[in-house]
Amino acid sequence: MMTQYPQLYADVSTITWVIPRTAFYDYLEALVRAGLGKRLMFGSDQMRWPEKIGAGIEAIEQAPFLSADEKRDILYHNAIRFSRLEQESK
């Protein structure tokens, strides 16, 4: 869907810890290889297990195939751009 609809973004949240790390990395790496890294965002997505937010962030920070810029995009920059917060701060 994301390749067909350029306005569509996706979040990686619960999937960062609910499936095995290797499966998550396969999924995330395929999305980045497909050129969708600028439209992926980390989201807490739930508050039933707030302690898992740290585990999700850690999964992205430890992804060996992501550059430092790609990690910052997923954890911060993409959400800023999506929310148009850049324009408000200028």
PDB file of N, CA and C in Angstrom:
ATOM      1  N   MET A   1       0.816  -1.192   0.000  1.00  0.00           N
ATOM      2  CA  MET A   1       0.000   0.000   0.000  1.00  0.00           C
ATOM      3  C   MET A   1       0.862   1.259   0.000  1.00  0.00           C
ATOM      4  N   MET A   2       1.977   1.220   0.734  1.00  0.00           N
ATOM      5  CA  MET A   2       2.801   2.420   0.845  1.00  0.00           C
ATOM      6  C   MET A   2       3.444   2.794  -0.492  1.00  0.00           C
ATOM      7  N   THR A   3       3.743   1.819  -1.318  1.00  0.00           N
ATOM      8  CA  THR A   3       4.318   2.159  -2.618  1.00  0.00           C
ATOM      9  C   THR A   3       3.270   2.743  -3.544  1.00  0.00           C
ATOM     10  N   GLN A   4       2.039   2.355  -3.379  1.00  0.00           N
ATOM     11  CA  GLN A   4       0.965   2.861  -4.221  1.00  0.00           C
ATOM     12  C   GLN A   4       0.433   4.215  -3.742  1.00  0.00           C
ATOM     13  N   TYR A   5       0.506   4.471  -2.436  1.00  0.00           N
ATOM     14  CA  TYR A   5      -0.032   5.697  -1.859  1.00  0.00           C
ATOM     15  C   TYR A   5       1.081   6.451  -1.125  1.00  0.00           C
ATOM     16  N   PRO A   6       1.716   7.419  -1.791  1.00  0.00           N
ATOM     17  CA  PRO A   6       2.863   8.110  -1.189  1.00  0.00           C
ATOM     18  C   PRO A   6       2.527   8.948   0.041  1.00  0.00           C
ATOM     19  N   GLN A   7       1.268   9.212   0.286  1.00  0.00           N
ATOM     20  CA  GLN A   7       0.876   9.972   1.474  1.00  0.00           C
ATOM     21  C   GLN A   7       0.694   9.069   2.700  1.00  0.00           C
ATOM     22  N   LEU A   8       0.835   7.763   2.518  1.00  0.00           N
ATOM     23  CA  LEU A   8       0.636   6.805   3.597  1.00  0.00           C
ATOM     24  C   LEU A   8       1.925   6.606   4.386  1.00  0.00           C
ATOM     25  N   TYR A   9       1.831   6.721   5.678  1.00  0.00           N
ATOM     26  CA  TYR A   9       2.940   6.468   6.599  1.00  0.00           C
ATOM     27  C   TYR A   9       2.596   5.230   7.421  1.00  0.00           C
ATOM     28  N   ALA A  10       3.592   4.641   8.037  1.00  0.00           N
ATOM     29  CA  ALA A  10       3.364   3.479   8.899  1.00  0.00           C
ATOM     30  C   ALA A  10       4.151   3.657  10.186  1.00  0.00           C
ATOM     31  N   ASP A  11       3.643   3.051  11.244  1.00  0.00           N
ATOM     32  CA  ASP A  11       4.409   3.092  12.484  1.00  0.00           C
ATOM     33  C   ASP A  11       4.875   1.691  12.836  1.00  0.00           C
ATOM     34  N   VAL A  12       6.018   1.654  13.448  1.00  0.00           N
ATOM     35  CA  VAL A  12       6.520   0.402  14.012  1.00  0.00           C
ATOM     36  C   VAL A  12       6.476   0.613  15.518  1.00  0.00           C
ATOM     37  N   SER A  13       5.646  -0.129  16.156  1.00  0.00           N
ATOM     38  CA  SER A  13       5.470   0.054  17.596  1.00  0.00           C
ATOM     39  C   SER A  13       5.449  -1.311  18.252  1.00  0.00           C
ATOM     40  N   THR A  14       4.303  -1.857  18.456  1.00  0.00           N
ATOM     41  CA  THR A  14       4.189  -3.144  19.140  1.00  0.00           C
ATOM     42  C   THR A  14       4.968  -4.238  18.420  1.00  0.00           C
ATOM     43  N   ILE A  15       5.038  -4.147  17.109  1.00  0.00           N
ATOM     44  CA  ILE A  15       5.749  -5.178  16.337  1.00  0.00           C
ATOM     45  C   ILE A  15       7.231  -5.243  16.707  1.00  0.00           C
ATOM     46  N   THR A  16       7.764  -4.166  17.279  1.00  0.00           N
ATOM     47  CA  THR A  16       9.184  -4.159  17.649  1.00  0.00           C
ATOM     48  C   THR A  16       9.497  -5.155  18.749  1.00  0.00           C
ATOM     49  N   TRP A  17       8.515  -5.550  19.528  1.00  0.00           N
ATOM     50  CA  TRP A  17       8.776  -6.480  20.629  1.00  0.00           C
ATOM     51  C   TRP A  17       7.828  -7.674  20.687  1.00  0.00           C
ATOM     52  N   VAL A  18       6.757  -7.676  19.891  1.00  0.00           N
ATOM     53  CA  VAL A  18       5.787  -8.767  19.985  1.00  0.00           C
ATOM     54  C   VAL A  18       6.179  -9.966  19.103  1.00  0.00           C
ATOM     55  N   ILE A  19       7.019  -9.733  18.108  1.00  0.00           N
ATOM     56  CA  ILE A  19       7.530 -10.834  17.289  1.00  0.00           C
ATOM     57  C   ILE A  19       9.027 -10.962  17.571  1.00  0.00           C
ATOM     58  N   PRO A  20       9.626 -12.089  17.225  1.00  0.00           N
ATOM     59  CA  PRO A  20      11.072 -12.225  17.458  1.00  0.00           C
ATOM     60  C   PRO A  20      11.857 -11.101  16.782  1.00  0.00           C
ATOM     61  N   ARG A  21      12.920 -10.669  17.415  1.00  0.00           N
ATOM     62  CA  ARG A  21      13.721  -9.551  16.908  1.00  0.00           C
ATOM     63  C   ARG A  21      14.185  -9.799  15.470  1.00  0.00           C
ATOM     64  N   THR A  22      14.601 -11.008  15.155  1.00  0.00           N
ATOM     65  CA  THR A  22      15.074 -11.285  13.793  1.00  0.00           C
ATOM     66  C   THR A  22      13.955 -11.107  12.773  1.00  0.00           C
ATOM     67  N   ALA A  23      12.741 -11.501  13.119  1.00  0.00           N
ATOM     68  CA  ALA A  23      11.599 -11.323  12.218  1.00  0.00           C
ATOM     69  C   ALA A  23      11.294  -9.831  12.048  1.00  0.00           C
ATOM     70  N   PHE A  24      11.353  -9.085  13.143  1.00  0.00           N
ATOM     71  CA  PHE A  24      11.138  -7.645  13.042  1.00  0.00           C
ATOM     72  C   PHE A  24      12.197  -7.011  12.159  1.00  0.00           C
ATOM     73  N   TYR A  25      13.454  -7.402  12.325  1.00  0.00           N
ATOM     74  CA  TYR A  25      14.524  -6.832  11.505  1.00  0.00           C
ATOM     75  C   TYR A  25      14.341  -7.182  10.030  1.00  0.00           C
ATOM     76  N   ASP A  26      13.898  -8.392   9.723  1.00  0.00           N
ATOM     77  CA  ASP A  26      13.628  -8.749   8.326  1.00  0.00           C
ATOM     78  C   ASP A  26      12.568  -7.819   7.739  1.00  0.00           C
ATOM     79  N   TYR A  27      11.520  -7.599   8.497  1.00  0.00           N
ATOM     80  CA  TYR A  27      10.409  -6.746   8.084  1.00  0.00           C
ATOM     81  C   TYR A  27      10.874  -5.301   7.904  1.00  0.00           C
ATOM     82  N   LEU A  28      11.572  -4.776   8.886  1.00  0.00           N
ATOM     83  CA  LEU A  28      12.027  -3.391   8.845  1.00  0.00           C
ATOM     84  C   LEU A  28      13.033  -3.179   7.725  1.00  0.00           C
ATOM     85  N   GLU A  29      13.955  -4.090   7.572  1.00  0.00           N
ATOM     86  CA  GLU A  29      14.962  -3.949   6.519  1.00  0.00           C
ATOM     87  C   GLU A  29      14.321  -3.979   5.141  1.00  0.00           C
ATOM     88  N   ALA A  30      13.316  -4.819   4.941  1.00  0.00           N
ATOM     89  CA  ALA A  30      12.618  -4.869   3.651  1.00  0.00           C
ATOM     90  C   ALA A  30      11.921  -3.540   3.357  1.00  0.00           C
ATOM     91  N   LEU A  31      11.316  -2.931   4.369  1.00  0.00           N
ATOM     92  CA  LEU A  31      10.661  -1.625   4.174  1.00  0.00           C
ATOM     93  C   LEU A  31      11.679  -0.545   3.821  1.00  0.00           C
ATOM     94  N   VAL A  32      12.806  -0.545   4.493  1.00  0.00           N
ATOM     95  CA  VAL A  32      13.847   0.453   4.215  1.00  0.00           C
ATOM     96  C   VAL A  32      14.437   0.225   2.830  1.00  0.00           C
ATOM     97  N   ARG A  33      14.713  -1.029   2.477  1.00  0.00           N
ATOM     98  CA  ARG A  33      15.246  -1.348   1.139  1.00  0.00           C
ATOM     99  C   ARG A  33      14.271  -0.939   0.042  1.00  0.00           C
ATOM    100  N   ALA A  34      12.978  -0.980   0.342  1.00  0.00           N
ATOM    101  CA  ALA A  34      11.954  -0.591  -0.638  1.00  0.00           C
ATOM    102  C   ALA A  34      11.848   0.925  -0.770  1.00  0.00           C
ATOM    103  N   GLY A  35      12.666   1.658  -0.014  1.00  0.00           N
ATOM    104  CA  GLY A  35      12.659   3.118  -0.108  1.00  0.00           C
ATOM    105  C   GLY A  35      11.603   3.790   0.752  1.00  0.00           C
ATOM    106  N   LEU A  36      11.112   3.101   1.762  1.00  0.00           N
ATOM    107  CA  LEU A  36      10.029   3.635   2.586  1.00  0.00           C
ATOM    108  C   LEU A  36      10.493   4.159   3.935  1.00  0.00           C
ATOM    109  N   GLY A  37      11.780   4.220   4.154  1.00  0.00           N
ATOM    110  CA  GLY A  37      12.323   4.628   5.451  1.00  0.00           C
ATOM    111  C   GLY A  37      11.913   6.024   5.898  1.00  0.00           C
ATOM    112  N   LYS A  38      11.650   6.920   4.958  1.00  0.00           N
ATOM    113  CA  LYS A  38      11.243   8.291   5.313  1.00  0.00           C
ATOM    114  C   LYS A  38       9.773   8.370   5.722  1.00  0.00           C
ATOM    115  N   ARG A  39       9.069   7.228   5.628  1.00  0.00           N
ATOM    116  CA  ARG A  39       7.653   7.218   6.007  1.00  0.00           C
ATOM    117  C   ARG A  39       7.346   6.202   7.101  1.00  0.00           C
ATOM    118  N   LEU A  40       8.384   5.827   7.843  1.00  0.00           N
ATOM    119  CA  LEU A  40       8.212   4.937   8.992  1.00  0.00           C
ATOM    120  C   LEU A  40       8.408   5.740  10.262  1.00  0.00           C
ATOM    121  N   MET A  41       7.563   5.496  11.243  1.00  0.00           N
ATOM    122  CA  MET A  41       7.654   6.213  12.512  1.00  0.00           C
ATOM    123  C   MET A  41       7.561   5.225  13.656  1.00  0.00           C
ATOM    124  N   PHE A  42       8.279   5.542  14.713  1.00  0.00           N
ATOM    125  CA  PHE A  42       8.099   4.773  15.940  1.00  0.00           C
ATOM    126  C   PHE A  42       6.924   5.376  16.682  1.00  0.00           C
ATOM    127  N   GLY A  43       6.061   4.527  17.184  1.00  0.00           N
ATOM    128  CA  GLY A  43       4.945   4.999  17.989  1.00  0.00           C
ATOM    129  C   GLY A  43       4.797   4.103  19.198  1.00  0.00           C
ATOM    130  N   SER A  44       4.396   4.679  20.306  1.00  0.00           N
ATOM    131  CA  SER A  44       4.197   3.856  21.494  1.00  0.00           C
ATOM    132  C   SER A  44       2.991   2.944  21.297  1.00  0.00           C
ATOM    133  N   ASP A  45       1.981   3.398  20.556  1.00  0.00           N
ATOM    134  CA  ASP A  45       0.853   2.613  20.072  1.00  0.00           C
ATOM    135  C   ASP A  45      -0.056   2.029  21.158  1.00  0.00           C
ATOM    136  N   GLN A  46       0.405   1.957  22.339  1.00  0.00           N
ATOM    137  CA  GLN A  46      -0.411   1.382  23.406  1.00  0.00           C
ATOM    138  C   GLN A  46       0.170   1.791  24.750  1.00  0.00           C
ATOM    139  N   MET A  47      -0.645   1.784  25.732  1.00  0.00           N
ATOM    140  CA  MET A  47      -0.152   2.136  27.064  1.00  0.00           C
ATOM    141  C   MET A  47      -0.453   1.039  28.079  1.00  0.00           C
ATOM    142  N   ARG A  48      -0.858  -0.112  27.607  1.00  0.00           N
ATOM    143  CA  ARG A  48      -1.115  -1.211  28.528  1.00  0.00           C
ATOM    144  C   ARG A  48       0.192  -1.734  29.135  1.00  0.00           C
ATOM    145  N   TRP A  49       1.259  -1.698  28.310  1.00  0.00           N
ATOM    146  CA  TRP A  49       2.576  -2.135  28.763  1.00  0.00           C
ATOM    147  C   TRP A  49       3.584  -1.021  28.495  1.00  0.00           C
ATOM    148  N   PRO A  50       3.523   0.081  29.240  1.00  0.00           N
ATOM    149  CA  PRO A  50       4.415   1.217  28.948  1.00  0.00           C
ATOM    150  C   PRO A  50       5.894   0.876  29.062  1.00  0.00           C
ATOM    151  N   GLU A  51       6.241  -0.150  29.822  1.00  0.00           N
ATOM    152  CA  GLU A  51       7.645  -0.529  29.937  1.00  0.00           C
ATOM    153  C   GLU A  51       8.202  -1.076  28.624  1.00  0.00           C
ATOM    154  N   LYS A  52       7.334  -1.444  27.698  1.00  0.00           N
ATOM    155  CA  LYS A  52       7.772  -1.977  26.413  1.00  0.00           C
ATOM    156  C   LYS A  52       8.205  -0.879  25.442  1.00  0.00           C
ATOM    157  N   ILE A  53       7.892   0.370  25.739  1.00  0.00           N
ATOM    158  CA  ILE A  53       8.304   1.466  24.859  1.00  0.00           C
ATOM    159  C   ILE A  53       9.831   1.482  24.750  1.00  0.00           C
ATOM    160  N   GLY A  54      10.512   1.332  25.859  1.00  0.00           N
ATOM    161  CA  GLY A  54      11.974   1.284  25.848  1.00  0.00           C
ATOM    162  C   GLY A  54      12.508   0.127  25.016  1.00  0.00           C
ATOM    163  N   ALA A  55      11.850  -1.016  25.092  1.00  0.00           N
ATOM    164  CA  ALA A  55      12.272  -2.181  24.306  1.00  0.00           C
ATOM    165  C   ALA A  55      12.111  -1.905  22.814  1.00  0.00           C
ATOM    166  N   GLY A  56      11.055  -1.196  22.450  1.00  0.00           N
ATOM    167  CA  GLY A  56      10.843  -0.855  21.043  1.00  0.00           C
ATOM    168  C   GLY A  56      11.899   0.106  20.527  1.00  0.00           C
ATOM    169  N   ILE A  57      12.213   1.110  21.318  1.00  0.00           N
ATOM    170  CA  ILE A  57      13.261   2.066  20.938  1.00  0.00           C
ATOM    171  C   ILE A  57      14.601   1.347  20.816  1.00  0.00           C
ATOM    172  N   GLU A  58      14.878   0.483  21.762  1.00  0.00           N
ATOM    173  CA  GLU A  58      16.126  -0.285  21.737  1.00  0.00           C
ATOM    174  C   GLU A  58      16.231  -1.134  20.477  1.00  0.00           C
ATOM    175  N   ALA A  59      15.136  -1.751  20.059  1.00  0.00           N
ATOM    176  CA  ALA A  59      15.149  -2.589  18.854  1.00  0.00           C
ATOM    177  C   ALA A  59      15.551  -1.772  17.628  1.00  0.00           C
ATOM    178  N   ILE A  60      15.072  -0.550  17.551  1.00  0.00           N
ATOM    179  CA  ILE A  60      15.437   0.304  16.413  1.00  0.00           C
ATOM    180  C   ILE A  60      16.877   0.783  16.557  1.00  0.00           C
ATOM    181  N   GLU A  61      17.248   1.212  17.734  1.00  0.00           N
ATOM    182  CA  GLU A  61      18.616   1.708  17.945  1.00  0.00           C
ATOM    183  C   GLU A  61      19.663   0.630  17.693  1.00  0.00           C
ATOM    184  N   GLN A  62      19.333  -0.628  17.919  1.00  0.00           N
ATOM    185  CA  GLN A  62      20.299  -1.718  17.740  1.00  0.00           C
ATOM    186  C   GLN A  62      20.232  -2.372  16.356  1.00  0.00           C
ATOM    187  N   ALA A  63      19.360  -1.900  15.488  1.00  0.00           N
ATOM    188  CA  ALA A  63      19.247  -2.496  14.151  1.00  0.00           C
ATOM    189  C   ALA A  63      20.561  -2.289  13.391  1.00  0.00           C
ATOM    190  N   PRO A  64      21.294  -3.359  13.101  1.00  0.00           N
ATOM    191  CA  PRO A  64      22.624  -3.222  12.515  1.00  0.00           C
ATOM    192  C   PRO A  64      22.630  -2.684  11.089  1.00  0.00           C
ATOM    193  N   PHE A  65      21.532  -2.775  10.394  1.00  0.00           N
ATOM    194  CA  PHE A  65      21.454  -2.358   8.993  1.00  0.00           C
ATOM    195  C   PHE A  65      21.006  -0.910   8.826  1.00  0.00           C
ATOM    196  N   LEU A  66      20.582  -0.253   9.906  1.00  0.00           N
ATOM    197  CA  LEU A  66      20.144   1.141   9.822  1.00  0.00           C
ATOM    198  C   LEU A  66      21.300   2.083  10.116  1.00  0.00           C
ATOM    199  N   SER A  67      21.394   3.141   9.327  1.00  0.00           N
ATOM    200  CA  SER A  67      22.383   4.175   9.617  1.00  0.00           C
ATOM    201  C   SER A  67      21.873   5.027  10.779  1.00  0.00           C
ATOM    202  N   ALA A  68      22.745   5.840  11.322  1.00  0.00           N
ATOM    203  CA  ALA A  68      22.332   6.746  12.406  1.00  0.00           C
ATOM    204  C   ALA A  68      21.228   7.681  11.918  1.00  0.00           C
ATOM    205  N   ASP A  69      21.323   8.147  10.686  1.00  0.00           N
ATOM    206  CA  ASP A  69      20.288   9.027  10.129  1.00  0.00           C
ATOM    207  C   ASP A  69      18.953   8.304   9.985  1.00  0.00           C
ATOM    208  N   GLU A  70      18.988   7.055   9.540  1.00  0.00           N
ATOM    209  CA  GLU A  70      17.743   6.293   9.387  1.00  0.00           C
ATOM    210  C   GLU A  70      17.090   6.051  10.745  1.00  0.00           C
ATOM    211  N   LYS A  71      17.886   5.791  11.758  1.00  0.00           N
ATOM    212  CA  LYS A  71      17.341   5.600  13.103  1.00  0.00           C
ATOM    213  C   LYS A  71      16.690   6.885  13.603  1.00  0.00           C
ATOM    214  N   ARG A  72      17.352   8.026  13.404  1.00  0.00           N
ATOM    215  CA  ARG A  72      16.775   9.313  13.824  1.00  0.00           C
ATOM    216  C   ARG A  72      15.500   9.616  13.062  1.00  0.00           C
ATOM    217  N   ASP A  73      15.468   9.249  11.775  1.00  0.00           N
ATOM    218  CA  ASP A  73      14.245   9.454  10.993  1.00  0.00           C
ATOM    219  C   ASP A  73      13.084   8.679  11.609  1.00  0.00           C
ATOM    220  N   ILE A  74      13.282   7.408  11.873  1.00  0.00           N
ATOM    221  CA  ILE A  74      12.211   6.562  12.409  1.00  0.00           C
ATOM    222  C   ILE A  74      11.787   7.018  13.800  1.00  0.00           C
ATOM    223  N   LEU A  75      12.756   7.373  14.622  1.00  0.00           N
ATOM    224  CA  LEU A  75      12.445   7.736  16.006  1.00  0.00           C
ATOM    225  C   LEU A  75      11.999   9.180  16.182  1.00  0.00           C
ATOM    226  N   TYR A  76      12.265  10.049  15.194  1.00  0.00           N
ATOM    227  CA  TYR A  76      11.995  11.473  15.422  1.00  0.00           C
ATOM    228  C   TYR A  76      11.604  12.241  14.159  1.00  0.00           C
ATOM    229  N   HIS A  77      12.522  12.341  13.206  1.00  0.00           N
ATOM    230  CA  HIS A  77      12.344  13.249  12.073  1.00  0.00           C
ATOM    231  C   HIS A  77      11.089  12.975  11.241  1.00  0.00           C
ATOM    232  N   ASN A  78      10.773  11.714  10.997  1.00  0.00           N
ATOM    233  CA  ASN A  78       9.601  11.411  10.167  1.00  0.00           C
ATOM    234  C   ASN A  78       8.309  11.883  10.832  1.00  0.00           C
ATOM    235  N   ALA A  79       8.220  11.745  12.140  1.00  0.00           N
ATOM    236  CA  ALA A  79       7.023  12.205  12.857  1.00  0.00           C
ATOM    237  C   ALA A  79       6.922  13.728  12.836  1.00  0.00           C
ATOM    238  N   ILE A  80       8.058  14.394  12.955  1.00  0.00           N
ATOM    239  CA  ILE A  80       8.066  15.859  12.895  1.00  0.00           C
ATOM    240  C   ILE A  80       7.561  16.325  11.529  1.00  0.00           C
ATOM    241  N   ARG A  81       8.099  15.706  10.473  1.00  0.00           N
ATOM    242  CA  ARG A  81       7.685  16.077   9.117  1.00  0.00           C
ATOM    243  C   ARG A  81       6.201  15.752   8.898  1.00  0.00           C
ATOM    244  N   PHE A  82       5.773  14.573   9.319  1.00  0.00           N
ATOM    245  CA  PHE A  82       4.378  14.155   9.154  1.00  0.00           C
ATOM    246  C   PHE A  82       3.421  15.108   9.881  1.00  0.00           C
ATOM    247  N   SER A  83       3.805  15.515  11.063  1.00  0.00           N
ATOM    248  CA  SER A  83       2.955  16.396  11.879  1.00  0.00           C
ATOM    249  C   SER A  83       3.086  17.869  11.500  1.00  0.00           C
ATOM    250  N   ARG A  84       3.991  18.128  10.564  1.00  0.00           N
ATOM    251  CA  ARG A  84       4.259  19.503  10.110  1.00  0.00           C
ATOM    252  C   ARG A  84       4.710  20.405  11.252  1.00  0.00           C
ATOM    253  N   LEU A  85       5.429  19.855  12.200  1.00  0.00           N
ATOM    254  CA  LEU A  85       5.925  20.635  13.330  1.00  0.00           C
ATOM    255  C   LEU A  85       7.112  21.507  12.943  1.00  0.00           C
ATOM    256  N   GLU A  86       7.818  21.151  11.871  1.00  0.00           N
ATOM    257  CA  GLU A  86       8.945  21.950  11.402  1.00  0.00           C
ATOM    258  C   GLU A  86       8.481  23.352  11.031  1.00  0.00           C
ATOM    259  N   GLN A  87       7.368  23.424  10.324  1.00  0.00           N
ATOM    260  CA  GLN A  87       6.845  24.717   9.864  1.00  0.00           C
ATOM    261  C   GLN A  87       6.426  25.597  11.013  1.00  0.00           C
ATOM    262  N   GLU A  88       5.876  25.006  12.074  1.00  0.00           N
ATOM    263  CA  GLU A  88       5.410  25.779  13.219  1.00  0.00           C
ATOM    264  C   GLU A  88       6.554  26.364  14.008  1.00  0.00           C
ATOM    265  N   SER A  89       7.716  25.692  14.012  1.00  0.00           N
ATOM    266  CA  SER A  89       8.822  26.178  14.825  1.00  0.00           C
ATOM    267  C   SER A  89       9.637  27.263  14.128  1.00  0.00           C
ATOM    268  N   LYS A  90       9.392  27.505  12.855  1.00  0.00           N
ATOM    269  CA  LYS A  90      10.153  28.511  12.110  1.00  0.00           C
ATOM    270  C   LYS A  90       9.626  29.891  12.315  1.00  0.00           C
TER     271      LYS A  90
END
